[in-house]
Amino acid sequence: MFNDIGPLELVTIIVLAVLVFGPDKLPKVIQDVMRTVRKIREFSESAKQDIRQELGPEFKDFEFEDLNPKTFIRKQLDNEDLGLKELRNGFDLKKEMAEVTDAVHGRDSESSSSSSATSSSSSSSSGGRVDMTKKPDAPDHRTPFDADAT
């Protein structure tokens, strides 16, 4: 419950509690807080039991921790029945992208050679292709930097 509180923070909380409540009232305040925490835990457990009873026997393996999306996804990724590990390990995005790029460049070189051979009367220097690496010839219309606006 207090996994992210360090020792210095804990000492600071204790010192503040002693200063705010005083050494004579502090034990009673701690008892009241612990009693409240126990009641909240009991209420939570009884609510979980009620939900499990209402869901019926088909949800006997239901865990409330699975409602946390991170826990649910981690549990599903570790499940070997789905074969997700094989899919994740078998899919190489770089290789797939390289194949797509090679296919596109291969088609461009074939189509440009066939189009230049069939239509030699074309006077365009690009042979009908559009060069996507060039920037457009339009002037740069950026708005001026305004330090007061940021």
C-alpha atoms as a PDB file:
ATOM      1  CA  MET A   1       0.000   0.000   0.000  1.00  0.00           C
ATOM      2  CA  PHE A   2       2.839   2.389   0.793  1.00  0.00           C
ATOM      3  CA  ASN A   3       5.389   1.072  -1.682  1.00  0.00           C
ATOM      4  CA  ASP A   4       6.192   4.491  -3.109  1.00  0.00           C
ATOM      5  CA  ILE A   5       6.816   6.258   0.243  1.00  0.00           C
ATOM      6  CA  GLY A   6      10.470   6.538   1.155  1.00  0.00           C
ATOM      7  CA  PRO A   7      11.958   6.595   4.657  1.00  0.00           C
ATOM      8  CA  LEU A   8      12.439  10.370   4.657  1.00  0.00           C
ATOM      9  CA  GLU A   9       8.813  10.920   3.647  1.00  0.00           C
ATOM     10  CA  LEU A  10       7.638   8.536   6.357  1.00  0.00           C
ATOM     11  CA  VAL A  11       9.648  10.366   9.032  1.00  0.00           C
ATOM     12  CA  THR A  12       8.221  13.680   7.771  1.00  0.00           C
ATOM     13  CA  ILE A  13       4.649  12.354   8.049  1.00  0.00           C
ATOM     14  CA  ILE A  14       5.295  11.099  11.603  1.00  0.00           C
ATOM     15  CA  VAL A  15       6.806  14.432  12.690  1.00  0.00           C
ATOM     16  CA  LEU A  16       3.892  16.360  11.185  1.00  0.00           C
ATOM     17  CA  ALA A  17       1.383  14.050  12.874  1.00  0.00           C
ATOM     18  CA  VAL A  18       3.051  14.590  16.255  1.00  0.00           C
ATOM     19  CA  LEU A  19       3.063  18.353  15.700  1.00  0.00           C
ATOM     20  CA  VAL A  20      -0.564  18.539  14.524  1.00  0.00           C
ATOM     21  CA  PHE A  21      -2.217  16.105  16.941  1.00  0.00           C
ATOM     22  CA  GLY A  22       0.218  16.204  19.833  1.00  0.00           C
ATOM     23  CA  PRO A  23       1.822  13.246  21.600  1.00  0.00           C
ATOM     24  CA  ASP A  24      -1.155  12.685  23.925  1.00  0.00           C
ATOM     25  CA  LYS A  25      -3.837  12.458  21.162  1.00  0.00           C
ATOM     26  CA  LEU A  26      -1.725  10.669  18.541  1.00  0.00           C
ATOM     27  CA  PRO A  27      -2.360   7.066  19.760  1.00  0.00           C
ATOM     28  CA  LYS A  28      -6.147   7.621  19.653  1.00  0.00           C
ATOM     29  CA  VAL A  29      -5.946   9.152  16.162  1.00  0.00           C
ATOM     30  CA  ILE A  30      -3.893   6.166  14.948  1.00  0.00           C
ATOM     31  CA  GLN A  31      -6.472   3.743  16.420  1.00  0.00           C
ATOM     32  CA  ASP A  32      -9.319   5.618  14.712  1.00  0.00           C
ATOM     33  CA  VAL A  33      -7.513   5.612  11.387  1.00  0.00           C
ATOM     34  CA  MET A  34      -6.720   1.879  11.642  1.00  0.00           C
ATOM     35  CA  ARG A  35     -10.337   1.101  12.584  1.00  0.00           C
ATOM     36  CA  THR A  36     -11.556   3.061   9.544  1.00  0.00           C
ATOM     37  CA  VAL A  37      -9.113   1.264   7.239  1.00  0.00           C
ATOM     38  CA  ARG A  38     -10.282  -2.136   8.576  1.00  0.00           C
ATOM     39  CA  LYS A  39     -13.942  -1.195   7.991  1.00  0.00           C
ATOM     40  CA  ILE A  40     -13.194  -0.099   4.441  1.00  0.00           C
ATOM     41  CA  ARG A  41     -11.363  -3.382   3.767  1.00  0.00           C
ATOM     42  CA  GLU A  42     -14.249  -5.413   5.223  1.00  0.00           C
ATOM     43  CA  PHE A  43     -16.745  -3.463   3.128  1.00  0.00           C
ATOM     44  CA  SER A  44     -14.625  -4.028   0.017  1.00  0.00           C
ATOM     45  CA  GLU A  45     -14.315  -7.768   0.644  1.00  0.00           C
ATOM     46  CA  SER A  46     -18.051  -8.132   1.284  1.00  0.00           C
ATOM     47  CA  ALA A  47     -18.794  -6.232  -1.948  1.00  0.00           C
ATOM     48  CA  LYS A  48     -16.449  -8.548  -3.864  1.00  0.00           C
ATOM     49  CA  GLN A  49     -18.146 -11.618  -2.378  1.00  0.00           C
ATOM     50  CA  ASP A  50     -21.584 -10.238  -3.309  1.00  0.00           C
ATOM     51  CA  ILE A  51     -20.475  -9.598  -6.880  1.00  0.00           C
ATOM     52  CA  ARG A  52     -19.004 -13.105  -7.182  1.00  0.00           C
ATOM     53  CA  GLN A  53     -22.252 -14.643  -5.882  1.00  0.00           C
ATOM     54  CA  GLU A  54     -24.334 -12.565  -8.294  1.00  0.00           C
ATOM     55  CA  LEU A  55     -22.156 -13.475 -11.293  1.00  0.00           C
ATOM     56  CA  GLY A  56     -22.677 -17.167 -10.708  1.00  0.00           C
ATOM     57  CA  PRO A  57     -20.506 -20.263 -11.029  1.00  0.00           C
ATOM     58  CA  GLU A  58     -19.315 -19.531 -14.586  1.00  0.00           C
ATOM     59  CA  PHE A  59     -17.281 -16.586 -13.215  1.00  0.00           C
ATOM     60  CA  LYS A  60     -15.658 -18.459 -10.332  1.00  0.00           C
ATOM     61  CA  ASP A  61     -12.173 -17.718 -11.764  1.00  0.00           C
ATOM     62  CA  PHE A  62     -12.908 -13.994 -12.025  1.00  0.00           C
ATOM     63  CA  GLU A  63     -10.297 -11.780 -10.406  1.00  0.00           C
ATOM     64  CA  PHE A  64     -10.942  -8.115  -9.724  1.00  0.00           C
ATOM     65  CA  GLU A  65      -7.323  -7.330 -10.499  1.00  0.00           C
ATOM     66  CA  ASP A  66      -8.120  -8.223 -14.133  1.00  0.00           C
ATOM     67  CA  LEU A  67     -10.238  -5.072 -14.318  1.00  0.00           C
ATOM     68  CA  ASN A  68      -6.998  -3.102 -14.362  1.00  0.00           C
ATOM     69  CA  PRO A  69      -6.145  -2.834 -18.087  1.00  0.00           C
ATOM     70  CA  LYS A  70      -2.400  -3.267 -17.552  1.00  0.00           C
ATOM     71  CA  THR A  71      -2.881  -6.454 -15.540  1.00  0.00           C
ATOM     72  CA  PHE A  72      -5.409  -7.829 -18.032  1.00  0.00           C
ATOM     73  CA  ILE A  73      -3.167  -7.222 -21.039  1.00  0.00           C
ATOM     74  CA  ARG A  74      -0.105  -8.631 -19.263  1.00  0.00           C
ATOM     75  CA  LYS A  75      -2.087 -11.748 -18.356  1.00  0.00           C
ATOM     76  CA  GLN A  76      -3.362 -12.158 -21.919  1.00  0.00           C
ATOM     77  CA  LEU A  77       0.103 -11.681 -23.444  1.00  0.00           C
ATOM     78  CA  ASP A  78       1.518 -14.360 -21.155  1.00  0.00           C
ATOM     79  CA  ASN A  79      -1.237 -16.774 -22.216  1.00  0.00           C
ATOM     80  CA  GLU A  80       0.336 -19.370 -24.535  1.00  0.00           C
ATOM     81  CA  ASP A  81      -3.022 -20.599 -25.877  1.00  0.00           C
ATOM     82  CA  LEU A  82      -3.450 -17.513 -28.041  1.00  0.00           C
ATOM     83  CA  GLY A  83      -0.044 -17.780 -29.701  1.00  0.00           C
ATOM     84  CA  LEU A  84       0.606 -14.064 -29.330  1.00  0.00           C
ATOM     85  CA  LYS A  85       4.275 -14.555 -28.510  1.00  0.00           C
ATOM     86  CA  GLU A  86       4.852 -16.304 -31.832  1.00  0.00           C
ATOM     87  CA  LEU A  87       3.066 -13.483 -33.634  1.00  0.00           C
ATOM     88  CA  ARG A  88       5.044 -10.825 -31.779  1.00  0.00           C
ATOM     89  CA  ASN A  89       8.371 -12.593 -32.413  1.00  0.00           C
ATOM     90  CA  GLY A  90       7.531 -13.506 -36.023  1.00  0.00           C
ATOM     91  CA  PHE A  91       6.605  -9.978 -37.102  1.00  0.00           C
ATOM     92  CA  ASP A  92       9.570  -7.847 -38.090  1.00  0.00           C
ATOM     93  CA  LEU A  93       8.414  -4.347 -38.957  1.00  0.00           C
ATOM     94  CA  LYS A  94      11.740  -3.286 -40.466  1.00  0.00           C
ATOM     95  CA  LYS A  95      11.786  -6.279 -42.794  1.00  0.00           C
ATOM     96  CA  GLU A  96       8.182  -5.702 -43.837  1.00  0.00           C
ATOM     97  CA  MET A  97       8.822  -2.027 -44.546  1.00  0.00           C
ATOM     98  CA  ALA A  98      11.964  -2.878 -46.521  1.00  0.00           C
ATOM     99  CA  GLU A  99       9.983  -5.318 -48.678  1.00  0.00           C
ATOM    100  CA  VAL A 100       7.295  -2.716 -49.323  1.00  0.00           C
ATOM    101  CA  THR A 101       9.889  -0.087 -50.253  1.00  0.00           C
ATOM    102  CA  ASP A 102      11.670  -2.493 -52.570  1.00  0.00           C
ATOM    103  CA  ALA A 103       8.385  -3.380 -54.213  1.00  0.00           C
ATOM    104  CA  VAL A 104       7.498   0.270 -54.725  1.00  0.00           C
ATOM    105  CA  HIS A 105      10.932   1.145 -56.109  1.00  0.00           C
ATOM    106  CA  GLY A 106      10.873  -1.948 -58.292  1.00  0.00           C
ATOM    107  CA  ARG A 107       7.517  -0.954 -59.809  1.00  0.00           C
ATOM    108  CA  ASP A 108       8.676   2.632 -60.339  1.00  0.00           C
ATOM    109  CA  SER A 109      11.798   1.600 -62.224  1.00  0.00           C
ATOM    110  CA  GLU A 110       9.847  -0.878 -64.373  1.00  0.00           C
ATOM    111  CA  SER A 111       7.033   1.537 -65.129  1.00  0.00           C
ATOM    112  CA  SER A 112       9.404   4.422 -65.941  1.00  0.00           C
ATOM    113  CA  SER A 113      11.444   2.286 -68.335  1.00  0.00           C
ATOM    114  CA  SER A 114       8.320   0.990 -70.082  1.00  0.00           C
ATOM    115  CA  SER A 115       6.679   4.407 -70.205  1.00  0.00           C
ATOM    116  CA  SER A 116       9.813   6.057 -71.611  1.00  0.00           C
ATOM    117  CA  ALA A 117      10.086   3.321 -74.229  1.00  0.00           C
ATOM    118  CA  THR A 118       6.444   3.563 -75.324  1.00  0.00           C
ATOM    119  CA  SER A 119       6.002   7.306 -75.118  1.00  0.00           C
ATOM    120  CA  SER A 120       9.247   8.797 -76.358  1.00  0.00           C
ATOM    121  CA  SER A 121       7.403  11.904 -77.514  1.00  0.00           C
ATOM    122  CA  SER A 122       6.878  13.042 -73.934  1.00  0.00           C
ATOM    123  CA  SER A 123       8.927  16.177 -73.269  1.00  0.00           C
ATOM    124  CA  SER A 124       8.743  16.128 -69.465  1.00  0.00           C
ATOM    125  CA  SER A 125      12.076  15.537 -67.753  1.00  0.00           C
ATOM    126  CA  SER A 126      10.613  13.316 -65.042  1.00  0.00           C
ATOM    127  CA  GLY A 127       9.054  10.817 -67.441  1.00  0.00           C
ATOM    128  CA  GLY A 128       5.569  11.204 -65.921  1.00  0.00           C
ATOM    129  CA  ARG A 129       6.747  10.458 -62.398  1.00  0.00           C
ATOM    130  CA  VAL A 130       6.263  12.752 -59.443  1.00  0.00           C
ATOM    131  CA  ASP A 131       9.310  13.233 -57.251  1.00  0.00           C
ATOM    132  CA  MET A 132       8.042  13.158 -53.662  1.00  0.00           C
ATOM    133  CA  THR A 133      11.462  14.024 -52.230  1.00  0.00           C
ATOM    134  CA  LYS A 134      11.454  17.554 -53.637  1.00  0.00           C
ATOM    135  CA  LYS A 135       9.891  20.409 -51.730  1.00  0.00           C
ATOM    136  CA  PRO A 136       7.123  22.309 -53.504  1.00  0.00           C
ATOM    137  CA  ASP A 137       8.138  25.458 -55.397  1.00  0.00           C
ATOM    138  CA  ALA A 138       5.718  27.609 -53.373  1.00  0.00           C
ATOM    139  CA  PRO A 139       7.373  30.190 -51.108  1.00  0.00           C
ATOM    140  CA  ASP A 140       7.532  29.514 -47.380  1.00  0.00           C
ATOM    141  CA  HIS A 141       4.536  31.211 -45.718  1.00  0.00           C
ATOM    142  CA  ARG A 142       5.340  30.808 -42.045  1.00  0.00           C
ATOM    143  CA  THR A 143       3.888  33.174 -39.547  1.00  0.00           C
ATOM    144  CA  PRO A 144       6.461  35.292 -37.749  1.00  0.00           C
ATOM    145  CA  PHE A 145       7.511  34.210 -34.270  1.00  0.00           C
ATOM    146  CA  ASP A 146       5.778  36.177 -31.539  1.00  0.00           C
ATOM    147  CA  ALA A 147       7.382  35.761 -28.128  1.00  0.00           C
ATOM    148  CA  ASP A 148       4.439  37.432 -26.383  1.00  0.00           C
ATOM    149  CA  ALA A 149       1.946  34.961 -27.831  1.00  0.00           C
ATOM    150  CA  THR A 150       3.678  31.894 -26.476  1.00  0.00           C
END
